Amino acid sequence: MQVIPARSGAHASLRKGQKIKVINTHGNQVVDFWAFTNDATSSSTPKYLSMSQTRSALLRVRVSVGDILRDNTRKPILQMVEDTTSGVHDMLFPACDKYRYAMMGVEGFHDSCANNLHTEMKKAGFQPGRGDEWLPDPFNLFMNIPVEGLGNGKGGSLDIKPPESREGQFVVLQAEEDCLVFMSACPQDVVPVNAQNPVEAHFEVS
């Protein structure tokens, strides 16, 4: 088992058919999750886990066991094969970044999932041929963003609530093709994304 340090990131390489288990060790921690195919570095149009393409394929904003997650060319990249939580994860919110914290009134540097991703990319020697600030929207594991008031073309407001998952619960994702995955133990402490107490999470590859 490997750690995703509090307020920081981690990465792992998956071969097709391998699985990654992401564990919410303390129960209140969101993990931002990205995946890129191994040829993304040499491609001018890198292939990566796409929340918009996954939503359009599923016609849902929630992922369930057995669902296929798609890349930006609509091809399978991951499958959710196990989930011991109640199934509450987010496919709508972008990663937190310096601009988000500035909007929220934070002055000076604040850890962010965007920064964690780019730090881990450099550690992995992975540069997907886009600008230094480019990043796809993540699959926000354990994040609780209810969509409220839908109906008759009205409503659809979003809320931000603490995770519903409990200590030790986890998800397992299986690679549908060789890929490099990146994870960030979200450092958000201004709103209750992580119950305003960011901590570490863990993962293991099998």
N, C-alpha and C. Protein backbone atom coordinates (compact mmCIF):
# COMPACT_ATOMS: atom_id res chain seq x y z
N MET A 1 0.85 -1.19 0.00
CA MET A 1 0.00 0.00 0.00
C MET A 1 0.89 1.24 0.00
N GLN A 2 0.50 2.22 -0.81
CA GLN A 2 1.28 3.44 -0.92
C GLN A 2 0.43 4.64 -0.49
N VAL A 3 1.10 5.68 -0.04
CA VAL A 3 0.41 6.84 0.50
C VAL A 3 0.27 7.94 -0.55
N ILE A 4 -0.86 8.62 -0.50
CA ILE A 4 -1.04 9.90 -1.17
C ILE A 4 -0.96 10.92 -0.04
N PRO A 5 0.15 11.60 0.13
CA PRO A 5 0.32 12.47 1.30
C PRO A 5 -0.74 13.56 1.38
N ALA A 6 -1.07 13.95 2.58
CA ALA A 6 -2.04 15.03 2.78
C ALA A 6 -1.62 16.26 1.99
N ARG A 7 -2.56 16.85 1.27
CA ARG A 7 -2.36 18.09 0.52
C ARG A 7 -1.37 17.92 -0.63
N SER A 8 -1.06 16.67 -1.00
CA SER A 8 -0.05 16.41 -2.01
C SER A 8 -0.55 15.36 -3.00
N GLY A 9 0.37 14.85 -3.84
CA GLY A 9 -0.05 13.94 -4.90
C GLY A 9 0.78 12.68 -4.96
N ALA A 10 0.40 11.81 -5.90
CA ALA A 10 1.10 10.56 -6.16
C ALA A 10 0.75 10.13 -7.57
N HIS A 11 1.51 9.17 -8.12
CA HIS A 11 1.20 8.65 -9.45
C HIS A 11 1.58 7.19 -9.52
N ALA A 12 1.03 6.51 -10.53
CA ALA A 12 1.31 5.08 -10.72
C ALA A 12 1.10 4.74 -12.18
N SER A 13 1.81 3.71 -12.63
CA SER A 13 1.68 3.22 -14.00
C SER A 13 0.85 1.94 -13.99
N LEU A 14 -0.12 1.85 -14.89
CA LEU A 14 -0.99 0.69 -15.00
C LEU A 14 -0.86 0.07 -16.38
N ARG A 15 -0.72 -1.24 -16.43
CA ARG A 15 -0.83 -1.97 -17.67
C ARG A 15 -2.30 -2.37 -17.87
N LYS A 16 -2.68 -2.58 -19.12
CA LYS A 16 -4.05 -3.00 -19.40
C LYS A 16 -4.40 -4.23 -18.57
N GLY A 17 -5.53 -4.15 -17.86
CA GLY A 17 -5.98 -5.26 -17.02
C GLY A 17 -5.59 -5.11 -15.56
N GLN A 18 -4.60 -4.25 -15.27
CA GLN A 18 -4.24 -4.02 -13.87
C GLN A 18 -5.31 -3.16 -13.19
N LYS A 19 -5.33 -3.24 -11.87
CA LYS A 19 -6.31 -2.51 -11.09
C LYS A 19 -5.62 -1.59 -10.09
N ILE A 20 -6.26 -0.47 -9.81
CA ILE A 20 -5.80 0.42 -8.76
C ILE A 20 -6.92 0.61 -7.75
N LYS A 21 -6.58 0.39 -6.51
CA LYS A 21 -7.52 0.55 -5.39
C LYS A 21 -7.18 1.85 -4.68
N VAL A 22 -8.13 2.77 -4.63
CA VAL A 22 -7.92 4.06 -3.98
C VAL A 22 -8.75 4.06 -2.70
N ILE A 23 -8.06 4.25 -1.58
CA ILE A 23 -8.66 4.06 -0.26
C ILE A 23 -8.84 5.39 0.45
N ASN A 24 -10.06 5.63 0.91
CA ASN A 24 -10.33 6.83 1.71
C ASN A 24 -10.01 6.47 3.16
N THR A 25 -8.76 6.55 3.50
CA THR A 25 -8.22 6.02 4.75
C THR A 25 -8.96 6.54 5.98
N HIS A 26 -9.26 7.83 5.98
CA HIS A 26 -9.91 8.44 7.14
C HIS A 26 -11.38 8.76 6.91
N GLY A 27 -11.84 8.56 5.69
CA GLY A 27 -13.26 8.70 5.40
C GLY A 27 -13.72 10.06 4.95
N ASN A 28 -12.89 11.09 5.11
CA ASN A 28 -13.36 12.44 4.78
C ASN A 28 -12.51 13.10 3.70
N GLN A 29 -11.72 12.31 2.97
CA GLN A 29 -10.76 12.90 2.04
C GLN A 29 -11.14 12.66 0.58
N VAL A 30 -11.24 13.74 -0.17
CA VAL A 30 -11.45 13.66 -1.62
C VAL A 30 -10.11 13.39 -2.30
N VAL A 31 -10.14 12.54 -3.33
CA VAL A 31 -8.96 12.28 -4.14
C VAL A 31 -9.27 12.63 -5.59
N ASP A 32 -8.61 13.67 -6.10
CA ASP A 32 -8.74 14.00 -7.52
C ASP A 32 -7.93 12.97 -8.31
N PHE A 33 -8.52 12.47 -9.39
CA PHE A 33 -7.92 11.34 -10.12
C PHE A 33 -7.89 11.65 -11.61
N TRP A 34 -6.71 11.46 -12.24
CA TRP A 34 -6.54 11.63 -13.68
C TRP A 34 -5.89 10.39 -14.27
N ALA A 35 -6.10 10.16 -15.55
CA ALA A 35 -5.41 9.08 -16.25
C ALA A 35 -5.07 9.55 -17.66
N PHE A 36 -3.86 9.19 -18.11
CA PHE A 36 -3.38 9.53 -19.45
C PHE A 36 -2.85 8.26 -20.09
N THR A 37 -3.10 8.09 -21.37
CA THR A 37 -2.54 6.92 -22.06
C THR A 37 -1.03 7.12 -22.19
N ASN A 38 -0.33 6.00 -22.34
CA ASN A 38 1.13 6.06 -22.36
C ASN A 38 1.71 6.79 -23.57
N ASP A 39 0.90 6.96 -24.63
CA ASP A 39 1.40 7.66 -25.80
C ASP A 39 1.09 9.16 -25.76
N ALA A 40 0.56 9.63 -24.63
CA ALA A 40 0.13 11.02 -24.56
C ALA A 40 1.30 12.00 -24.66
N THR A 41 2.48 11.61 -24.18
CA THR A 41 3.63 12.51 -24.22
C THR A 41 4.02 12.86 -25.65
N SER A 42 3.96 11.88 -26.54
CA SER A 42 4.41 12.09 -27.92
C SER A 42 3.30 12.57 -28.84
N SER A 43 2.11 12.72 -28.30
CA SER A 43 0.97 13.09 -29.14
C SER A 43 0.64 14.57 -28.98
N SER A 44 0.35 15.23 -30.11
CA SER A 44 -0.06 16.63 -30.04
C SER A 44 -1.48 16.74 -29.50
N THR A 45 -2.23 15.65 -29.56
CA THR A 45 -3.56 15.59 -28.95
C THR A 45 -3.57 14.43 -27.96
N PRO A 46 -3.09 14.67 -26.73
CA PRO A 46 -2.96 13.58 -25.76
C PRO A 46 -4.30 12.97 -25.41
N LYS A 47 -4.29 11.67 -25.16
CA LYS A 47 -5.50 10.97 -24.76
C LYS A 47 -5.52 10.86 -23.24
N TYR A 48 -6.66 11.22 -22.66
CA TYR A 48 -6.76 11.28 -21.20
C TYR A 48 -8.19 10.98 -20.77
N LEU A 49 -8.32 10.58 -19.53
CA LEU A 49 -9.64 10.36 -18.94
C LEU A 49 -10.46 11.64 -19.04
N SER A 50 -11.63 11.53 -19.65
CA SER A 50 -12.47 12.71 -19.92
C SER A 50 -13.80 12.58 -19.19
N MET A 51 -14.07 13.52 -18.31
CA MET A 51 -15.34 13.52 -17.60
C MET A 51 -16.49 13.86 -18.54
N SER A 52 -16.28 14.78 -19.47
CA SER A 52 -17.38 15.16 -20.37
C SER A 52 -17.75 13.99 -21.29
N GLN A 53 -16.76 13.28 -21.82
CA GLN A 53 -17.07 12.14 -22.68
C GLN A 53 -17.69 10.99 -21.89
N THR A 54 -17.25 10.82 -20.65
CA THR A 54 -17.83 9.77 -19.82
C THR A 54 -19.28 10.09 -19.48
N ARG A 55 -19.55 11.33 -19.13
CA ARG A 55 -20.95 11.72 -18.84
C ARG A 55 -21.84 11.50 -20.06
N SER A 56 -21.35 11.89 -21.23
CA SER A 56 -22.19 11.78 -22.43
C SER A 56 -22.45 10.31 -22.78
N ALA A 57 -21.49 9.44 -22.48
CA ALA A 57 -21.67 8.01 -22.76
C ALA A 57 -22.61 7.36 -21.76
N LEU A 58 -22.48 7.74 -20.50
CA LEU A 58 -23.31 7.14 -19.45
C LEU A 58 -24.69 7.77 -19.36
N LEU A 59 -24.81 9.02 -19.81
CA LEU A 59 -26.04 9.81 -19.63
C LEU A 59 -26.38 9.93 -18.15
N ARG A 60 -25.33 10.05 -17.35
CA ARG A 60 -25.47 10.21 -15.89
C ARG A 60 -24.32 11.07 -15.38
N VAL A 61 -24.48 11.59 -14.18
CA VAL A 61 -23.39 12.33 -13.54
C VAL A 61 -22.82 11.55 -12.36
N ARG A 62 -23.13 10.27 -12.28
CA ARG A 62 -22.57 9.38 -11.28
C ARG A 62 -22.04 8.12 -11.96
N VAL A 63 -20.93 7.61 -11.46
CA VAL A 63 -20.35 6.38 -11.98
C VAL A 63 -20.68 5.24 -11.04
N SER A 64 -21.10 4.11 -11.59
CA SER A 64 -21.45 2.93 -10.80
C SER A 64 -20.53 1.77 -11.19
N VAL A 65 -20.51 0.74 -10.34
CA VAL A 65 -19.72 -0.45 -10.61
C VAL A 65 -20.13 -1.04 -11.96
N GLY A 66 -19.16 -1.36 -12.78
CA GLY A 66 -19.40 -1.89 -14.12
C GLY A 66 -19.35 -0.84 -15.21
N ASP A 67 -19.39 0.43 -14.83
CA ASP A 67 -19.36 1.51 -15.82
C ASP A 67 -17.97 1.67 -16.42
N ILE A 68 -17.95 2.02 -17.70
CA ILE A 68 -16.73 2.32 -18.42
C ILE A 68 -16.49 3.83 -18.39
N LEU A 69 -15.27 4.22 -18.07
CA LEU A 69 -14.86 5.62 -18.14
C LEU A 69 -14.12 5.83 -19.45
N ARG A 70 -14.41 6.92 -20.13
CA ARG A 70 -13.94 7.15 -21.49
C ARG A 70 -12.82 8.19 -21.53
N ASP A 71 -11.98 8.07 -22.58
CA ASP A 71 -11.00 9.11 -22.81
C ASP A 71 -11.59 10.16 -23.74
N ASN A 72 -10.78 11.15 -24.10
CA ASN A 72 -11.29 12.26 -24.90
C ASN A 72 -11.54 11.89 -26.35
N THR A 73 -11.19 10.65 -26.74
CA THR A 73 -11.59 10.15 -28.06
C THR A 73 -12.74 9.15 -27.94
N ARG A 74 -13.36 9.12 -26.79
CA ARG A 74 -14.54 8.30 -26.47
C ARG A 74 -14.22 6.81 -26.32
N LYS A 75 -12.96 6.45 -26.26
CA LYS A 75 -12.58 5.05 -26.10
C LYS A 75 -12.46 4.70 -24.61
N PRO A 76 -12.69 3.44 -24.25
CA PRO A 76 -12.55 3.04 -22.84
C PRO A 76 -11.11 3.21 -22.37
N ILE A 77 -10.97 3.78 -21.16
CA ILE A 77 -9.65 3.91 -20.55
C ILE A 77 -9.61 3.25 -19.18
N LEU A 78 -10.74 3.26 -18.46
CA LEU A 78 -10.84 2.64 -17.14
C LEU A 78 -12.24 2.07 -16.97
N GLN A 79 -12.37 1.12 -16.06
CA GLN A 79 -13.67 0.62 -15.65
C GLN A 79 -13.72 0.58 -14.12
N MET A 80 -14.84 1.03 -13.57
CA MET A 80 -15.01 0.90 -12.12
C MET A 80 -15.50 -0.52 -11.83
N VAL A 81 -14.70 -1.28 -11.10
CA VAL A 81 -15.03 -2.68 -10.86
C VAL A 81 -15.44 -2.96 -9.41
N GLU A 82 -15.19 -2.01 -8.52
CA GLU A 82 -15.62 -2.20 -7.13
C GLU A 82 -15.75 -0.83 -6.47
N ASP A 83 -16.72 -0.70 -5.60
CA ASP A 83 -16.93 0.55 -4.86
C ASP A 83 -17.65 0.22 -3.56
N THR A 84 -16.96 0.39 -2.45
CA THR A 84 -17.56 0.06 -1.15
C THR A 84 -18.25 1.26 -0.52
N THR A 85 -18.23 2.42 -1.19
CA THR A 85 -18.94 3.60 -0.69
C THR A 85 -20.40 3.54 -1.13
N SER A 86 -21.14 4.57 -0.82
CA SER A 86 -22.53 4.67 -1.28
C SER A 86 -22.61 5.12 -2.73
N GLY A 87 -21.46 5.30 -3.37
CA GLY A 87 -21.44 5.68 -4.79
C GLY A 87 -21.38 7.16 -5.06
N VAL A 88 -21.11 7.94 -4.02
CA VAL A 88 -21.07 9.40 -4.18
C VAL A 88 -19.66 9.83 -4.57
N HIS A 89 -19.51 10.18 -5.84
CA HIS A 89 -18.28 10.73 -6.40
C HIS A 89 -18.70 11.85 -7.35
N ASP A 90 -17.76 12.72 -7.70
CA ASP A 90 -18.12 13.88 -8.52
C ASP A 90 -17.46 13.84 -9.89
N MET A 91 -18.25 14.19 -10.91
CA MET A 91 -17.76 14.27 -12.29
C MET A 91 -17.91 15.68 -12.87
N LEU A 92 -18.22 16.66 -12.04
CA LEU A 92 -18.57 17.99 -12.53
C LEU A 92 -17.53 19.06 -12.22
N PHE A 93 -16.92 19.02 -11.04
CA PHE A 93 -16.04 20.09 -10.60
C PHE A 93 -14.64 19.96 -11.20
N PRO A 94 -14.06 21.10 -11.60
CA PRO A 94 -12.65 21.08 -12.00
C PRO A 94 -11.76 20.96 -10.77
N ALA A 95 -10.49 20.71 -11.00
CA ALA A 95 -9.54 20.67 -9.89
C ALA A 95 -9.39 22.06 -9.29
N CYS A 96 -9.19 22.11 -7.98
CA CYS A 96 -8.91 23.41 -7.36
C CYS A 96 -7.54 23.89 -7.85
N ASP A 97 -7.42 25.21 -8.00
CA ASP A 97 -6.18 25.81 -8.49
C ASP A 97 -6.00 27.19 -7.86
N LYS A 98 -4.93 27.86 -8.22
CA LYS A 98 -4.62 29.15 -7.58
C LYS A 98 -5.71 30.18 -7.87
N TYR A 99 -6.37 30.05 -9.02
CA TYR A 99 -7.42 31.00 -9.36
C TYR A 99 -8.66 30.79 -8.50
N ARG A 100 -8.96 29.54 -8.21
CA ARG A 100 -10.09 29.21 -7.33
C ARG A 100 -9.87 29.80 -5.94
N TYR A 101 -8.67 29.62 -5.42
CA TYR A 101 -8.41 30.13 -4.07
C TYR A 101 -8.40 31.65 -4.04
N ALA A 102 -7.91 32.28 -5.11
CA ALA A 102 -7.95 33.74 -5.18
C ALA A 102 -9.39 34.24 -5.18
N MET A 103 -10.28 33.54 -5.92
CA MET A 103 -11.70 33.91 -5.94
C MET A 103 -12.31 33.79 -4.55
N MET A 104 -11.78 32.86 -3.74
CA MET A 104 -12.32 32.63 -2.41
C MET A 104 -11.67 33.53 -1.36
N GLY A 105 -10.79 34.43 -1.79
CA GLY A 105 -10.20 35.39 -0.87
C GLY A 105 -8.91 34.95 -0.22
N VAL A 106 -8.36 33.83 -0.68
CA VAL A 106 -7.09 33.36 -0.11
C VAL A 106 -5.96 34.20 -0.70
N GLU A 107 -5.11 34.71 0.17
CA GLU A 107 -3.97 35.51 -0.26
C GLU A 107 -2.70 34.67 -0.22
N GLY A 108 -1.87 34.82 -1.24
CA GLY A 108 -0.62 34.09 -1.27
C GLY A 108 -0.81 32.65 -1.73
N PHE A 109 0.25 31.84 -1.58
CA PHE A 109 0.22 30.47 -2.07
C PHE A 109 -0.70 29.59 -1.24
N HIS A 110 -1.42 28.72 -1.93
CA HIS A 110 -2.22 27.69 -1.28
C HIS A 110 -2.03 26.41 -2.08
N ASP A 111 -1.80 25.29 -1.40
CA ASP A 111 -1.72 24.02 -2.10
C ASP A 111 -2.97 23.82 -2.95
N SER A 112 -2.82 23.15 -4.09
CA SER A 112 -3.97 22.91 -4.95
C SER A 112 -3.79 21.59 -5.69
N CYS A 113 -4.91 21.02 -6.12
CA CYS A 113 -4.85 19.79 -6.90
C CYS A 113 -4.17 20.02 -8.25
N ALA A 114 -4.38 21.19 -8.84
CA ALA A 114 -3.73 21.50 -10.10
C ALA A 114 -2.21 21.49 -9.93
N ASN A 115 -1.73 22.13 -8.88
CA ASN A 115 -0.30 22.16 -8.62
C ASN A 115 0.24 20.76 -8.32
N ASN A 116 -0.55 19.97 -7.56
CA ASN A 116 -0.13 18.61 -7.25
C ASN A 116 0.00 17.76 -8.52
N LEU A 117 -0.94 17.91 -9.45
CA LEU A 117 -0.86 17.16 -10.71
C LEU A 117 0.41 17.52 -11.48
N HIS A 118 0.67 18.81 -11.61
CA HIS A 118 1.83 19.22 -12.39
C HIS A 118 3.14 18.82 -11.71
N THR A 119 3.16 18.83 -10.39
CA THR A 119 4.34 18.38 -9.65
C THR A 119 4.59 16.89 -9.91
N GLU A 120 3.52 16.09 -9.87
CA GLU A 120 3.66 14.65 -10.09
C GLU A 120 4.02 14.34 -11.55
N MET A 121 3.50 15.13 -12.48
CA MET A 121 3.86 14.95 -13.88
C MET A 121 5.37 15.12 -14.06
N LYS A 122 5.93 16.13 -13.42
CA LYS A 122 7.37 16.37 -13.53
C LYS A 122 8.15 15.21 -12.90
N LYS A 123 7.68 14.71 -11.76
CA LYS A 123 8.34 13.58 -11.12
C LYS A 123 8.34 12.35 -12.03
N ALA A 124 7.24 12.19 -12.77
CA ALA A 124 7.10 11.03 -13.66
C ALA A 124 7.78 11.24 -15.00
N GLY A 125 8.32 12.44 -15.23
CA GLY A 125 8.90 12.74 -16.53
C GLY A 125 7.87 12.76 -17.64
N PHE A 126 6.67 13.19 -17.29
CA PHE A 126 5.53 13.12 -18.21
C PHE A 126 5.07 14.52 -18.58
N GLN A 127 5.21 14.88 -19.83
CA GLN A 127 4.77 16.18 -20.31
C GLN A 127 3.89 15.96 -21.54
N PRO A 128 2.58 16.11 -21.42
CA PRO A 128 1.67 15.76 -22.51
C PRO A 128 1.56 16.79 -23.63
N GLY A 129 2.52 17.68 -23.78
CA GLY A 129 2.55 18.54 -24.95
C GLY A 129 1.58 19.70 -24.92
N ARG A 130 1.08 20.06 -23.74
CA ARG A 130 0.22 21.22 -23.60
C ARG A 130 0.93 22.24 -22.70
N GLY A 131 0.31 23.39 -22.47
CA GLY A 131 0.91 24.41 -21.62
C GLY A 131 1.07 23.95 -20.18
N ASP A 132 1.90 24.67 -19.44
CA ASP A 132 2.22 24.29 -18.07
C ASP A 132 1.00 24.28 -17.15
N GLU A 133 -0.03 25.04 -17.50
CA GLU A 133 -1.21 25.12 -16.63
C GLU A 133 -2.35 24.24 -17.12
N TRP A 134 -2.16 23.54 -18.21
CA TRP A 134 -3.25 22.71 -18.75
C TRP A 134 -3.49 21.50 -17.88
N LEU A 135 -4.76 21.18 -17.67
CA LEU A 135 -5.13 19.93 -17.01
C LEU A 135 -6.58 19.61 -17.34
N PRO A 136 -6.88 18.32 -17.55
CA PRO A 136 -8.27 17.92 -17.76
C PRO A 136 -9.03 17.97 -16.43
N ASP A 137 -10.34 18.00 -16.52
CA ASP A 137 -11.13 17.89 -15.29
C ASP A 137 -10.94 16.50 -14.69
N PRO A 138 -10.79 16.43 -13.38
CA PRO A 138 -10.53 15.14 -12.73
C PRO A 138 -11.82 14.37 -12.43
N PHE A 139 -11.64 13.09 -12.16
CA PHE A 139 -12.69 12.28 -11.54
C PHE A 139 -12.48 12.45 -10.04
N ASN A 140 -13.40 13.13 -9.38
CA ASN A 140 -13.24 13.49 -7.97
C ASN A 140 -13.80 12.38 -7.08
N LEU A 141 -12.93 11.44 -6.73
CA LEU A 141 -13.35 10.32 -5.91
C LEU A 141 -13.74 10.79 -4.51
N PHE A 142 -14.88 10.30 -4.05
CA PHE A 142 -15.41 10.55 -2.71
C PHE A 142 -15.96 11.98 -2.53
N MET A 143 -15.93 12.79 -3.57
CA MET A 143 -16.41 14.17 -3.45
C MET A 143 -17.92 14.21 -3.54
N ASN A 144 -18.54 15.00 -2.68
CA ASN A 144 -19.99 15.04 -2.53
C ASN A 144 -20.53 16.39 -3.03
N ILE A 145 -20.99 16.40 -4.28
CA ILE A 145 -21.53 17.61 -4.90
C ILE A 145 -22.96 17.31 -5.36
N PRO A 146 -23.93 17.46 -4.48
CA PRO A 146 -25.32 17.18 -4.88
C PRO A 146 -25.81 18.15 -5.96
N VAL A 147 -26.57 17.62 -6.90
CA VAL A 147 -27.25 18.44 -7.90
C VAL A 147 -28.70 18.53 -7.46
N GLU A 148 -29.15 19.74 -7.16
CA GLU A 148 -30.44 19.91 -6.50
C GLU A 148 -31.45 20.63 -7.39
N GLY A 149 -32.71 20.29 -7.20
CA GLY A 149 -33.81 21.05 -7.78
C GLY A 149 -34.00 20.89 -9.27
N LEU A 150 -33.58 19.76 -9.85
CA LEU A 150 -33.79 19.56 -11.28
C LEU A 150 -35.27 19.29 -11.57
N GLY A 151 -35.75 19.79 -12.68
CA GLY A 151 -37.14 19.54 -13.07
C GLY A 151 -37.71 20.69 -13.83
N ASN A 152 -38.41 20.40 -14.93
CA ASN A 152 -39.09 21.41 -15.73
C ASN A 152 -38.14 22.50 -16.24
N GLY A 153 -36.88 22.11 -16.48
CA GLY A 153 -35.93 23.07 -17.03
C GLY A 153 -35.43 24.09 -16.03
N LYS A 154 -35.75 23.89 -14.75
CA LYS A 154 -35.34 24.85 -13.73
C LYS A 154 -34.45 24.16 -12.70
N GLY A 155 -33.83 24.96 -11.89
CA GLY A 155 -33.02 24.42 -10.81
C GLY A 155 -31.68 23.93 -11.32
N GLY A 156 -31.23 22.79 -10.78
CA GLY A 156 -29.93 22.26 -11.16
C GLY A 156 -28.79 22.90 -10.41
N SER A 157 -29.06 23.46 -9.23
CA SER A 157 -28.00 24.08 -8.45
C SER A 157 -27.09 23.03 -7.83
N LEU A 158 -25.83 23.41 -7.62
CA LEU A 158 -24.84 22.52 -7.02
C LEU A 158 -24.57 22.95 -5.58
N ASP A 159 -24.31 21.97 -4.74
CA ASP A 159 -23.93 22.25 -3.36
C ASP A 159 -22.59 21.58 -3.10
N ILE A 160 -21.91 22.00 -2.05
CA ILE A 160 -20.63 21.42 -1.65
C ILE A 160 -20.77 20.89 -0.24
N LYS A 161 -20.65 19.58 -0.09
CA LYS A 161 -20.84 18.95 1.21
C LYS A 161 -19.68 18.01 1.52
N PRO A 162 -19.49 17.68 2.80
CA PRO A 162 -18.43 16.73 3.15
C PRO A 162 -18.69 15.37 2.52
N PRO A 163 -17.64 14.58 2.31
CA PRO A 163 -17.82 13.23 1.75
C PRO A 163 -18.76 12.38 2.60
N GLU A 164 -19.48 11.49 1.92
CA GLU A 164 -20.35 10.54 2.63
C GLU A 164 -19.62 9.25 2.96
N SER A 165 -18.45 9.05 2.37
CA SER A 165 -17.71 7.80 2.58
C SER A 165 -17.20 7.71 4.01
N ARG A 166 -16.93 6.47 4.42
CA ARG A 166 -16.46 6.21 5.78
C ARG A 166 -15.02 5.71 5.76
N GLU A 167 -14.42 5.73 6.91
CA GLU A 167 -13.02 5.31 7.06
C GLU A 167 -12.77 3.94 6.43
N GLY A 168 -11.78 3.88 5.57
CA GLY A 168 -11.37 2.61 4.97
C GLY A 168 -12.13 2.21 3.72
N GLN A 169 -13.17 2.94 3.34
CA GLN A 169 -13.88 2.59 2.12
C GLN A 169 -13.03 2.92 0.89
N PHE A 170 -13.33 2.25 -0.23
CA PHE A 170 -12.44 2.37 -1.38
C PHE A 170 -13.19 2.15 -2.68
N VAL A 171 -12.51 2.52 -3.76
CA VAL A 171 -12.95 2.19 -5.11
C VAL A 171 -11.82 1.44 -5.81
N VAL A 172 -12.18 0.58 -6.76
CA VAL A 172 -11.20 -0.12 -7.58
C VAL A 172 -11.49 0.17 -9.04
N LEU A 173 -10.48 0.66 -9.75
CA LEU A 173 -10.58 0.96 -11.17
C LEU A 173 -9.64 0.05 -11.94
N GLN A 174 -10.13 -0.51 -13.04
CA GLN A 174 -9.31 -1.40 -13.87
C GLN A 174 -8.93 -0.69 -15.17
N ALA A 175 -7.66 -0.78 -15.54
CA ALA A 175 -7.18 -0.15 -16.76
C ALA A 175 -7.69 -0.90 -17.99
N GLU A 176 -8.29 -0.19 -18.91
CA GLU A 176 -8.74 -0.75 -20.18
C GLU A 176 -7.67 -0.60 -21.25
N GLU A 177 -6.63 0.17 -20.97
CA GLU A 177 -5.45 0.26 -21.80
C GLU A 177 -4.31 0.75 -20.91
N ASP A 178 -3.07 0.60 -21.38
CA ASP A 178 -1.93 1.07 -20.59
C ASP A 178 -2.09 2.55 -20.32
N CYS A 179 -1.87 2.94 -19.08
CA CYS A 179 -2.03 4.36 -18.74
C CYS A 179 -1.21 4.74 -17.52
N LEU A 180 -1.03 6.02 -17.37
CA LEU A 180 -0.38 6.59 -16.20
C LEU A 180 -1.43 7.37 -15.44
N VAL A 181 -1.58 7.09 -14.14
CA VAL A 181 -2.61 7.75 -13.35
C VAL A 181 -1.97 8.66 -12.31
N PHE A 182 -2.66 9.74 -12.04
CA PHE A 182 -2.20 10.73 -11.07
C PHE A 182 -3.31 10.98 -10.07
N MET A 183 -2.93 11.17 -8.81
CA MET A 183 -3.90 11.38 -7.74
C MET A 183 -3.46 12.54 -6.86
N SER A 184 -4.43 13.28 -6.36
CA SER A 184 -4.16 14.37 -5.43
C SER A 184 -5.08 14.24 -4.23
N ALA A 185 -4.49 14.20 -3.04
CA ALA A 185 -5.28 14.28 -1.81
C ALA A 185 -5.66 15.75 -1.67
N CYS A 186 -6.86 16.07 -2.06
CA CYS A 186 -7.29 17.47 -2.22
C CYS A 186 -6.99 18.31 -0.97
N PRO A 187 -6.33 19.46 -1.14
CA PRO A 187 -5.99 20.31 -0.01
C PRO A 187 -7.04 21.37 0.34
N GLN A 188 -8.22 21.28 -0.29
CA GLN A 188 -9.26 22.29 -0.06
C GLN A 188 -9.66 22.32 1.41
N ASP A 189 -9.48 23.48 2.06
CA ASP A 189 -9.83 23.63 3.47
C ASP A 189 -10.66 24.88 3.74
N VAL A 190 -11.14 25.51 2.64
CA VAL A 190 -11.94 26.71 2.78
C VAL A 190 -13.43 26.37 2.81
N VAL A 191 -13.83 25.40 2.01
CA VAL A 191 -15.20 24.89 1.99
C VAL A 191 -15.15 23.42 2.43
N PRO A 192 -16.30 22.82 2.77
CA PRO A 192 -16.29 21.50 3.41
C PRO A 192 -16.08 20.30 2.48
N VAL A 193 -15.30 20.47 1.40
CA VAL A 193 -15.03 19.37 0.47
C VAL A 193 -14.43 18.18 1.21
N ASN A 194 -13.46 18.45 2.08
CA ASN A 194 -12.80 17.41 2.87
C ASN A 194 -13.14 17.53 4.35
N ALA A 195 -14.38 17.97 4.63
CA ALA A 195 -14.77 18.29 6.00
C ALA A 195 -13.80 19.31 6.59
N GLN A 196 -13.19 20.12 5.72
CA GLN A 196 -12.22 21.17 6.08
C GLN A 196 -11.05 20.63 6.90
N ASN A 197 -10.69 19.38 6.62
CA ASN A 197 -9.56 18.75 7.32
C ASN A 197 -8.82 17.82 6.37
N PRO A 198 -8.05 18.36 5.42
CA PRO A 198 -7.36 17.51 4.45
C PRO A 198 -6.36 16.57 5.12
N VAL A 199 -6.42 15.31 4.74
CA VAL A 199 -5.53 14.29 5.30
C VAL A 199 -5.04 13.39 4.17
N GLU A 200 -4.21 12.42 4.51
CA GLU A 200 -3.69 11.51 3.49
C GLU A 200 -4.72 10.47 3.10
N ALA A 201 -4.48 9.87 1.94
CA ALA A 201 -5.23 8.70 1.47
C ALA A 201 -4.20 7.67 1.02
N HIS A 202 -4.66 6.50 0.59
CA HIS A 202 -3.75 5.44 0.19
C HIS A 202 -4.22 4.78 -1.11
N PHE A 203 -3.30 4.06 -1.77
CA PHE A 203 -3.67 3.31 -2.96
C PHE A 203 -2.77 2.09 -3.08
N GLU A 204 -3.25 1.12 -3.87
CA GLU A 204 -2.41 -0.01 -4.21
C GLU A 204 -2.75 -0.52 -5.60
N VAL A 205 -1.75 -1.00 -6.30
CA VAL A 205 -1.90 -1.50 -7.66
C VAL A 205 -1.77 -3.03 -7.63
N SER A 206 -2.66 -3.72 -8.36
CA SER A 206 -2.58 -5.17 -8.42
C SER A 206 -2.80 -5.66 -9.85
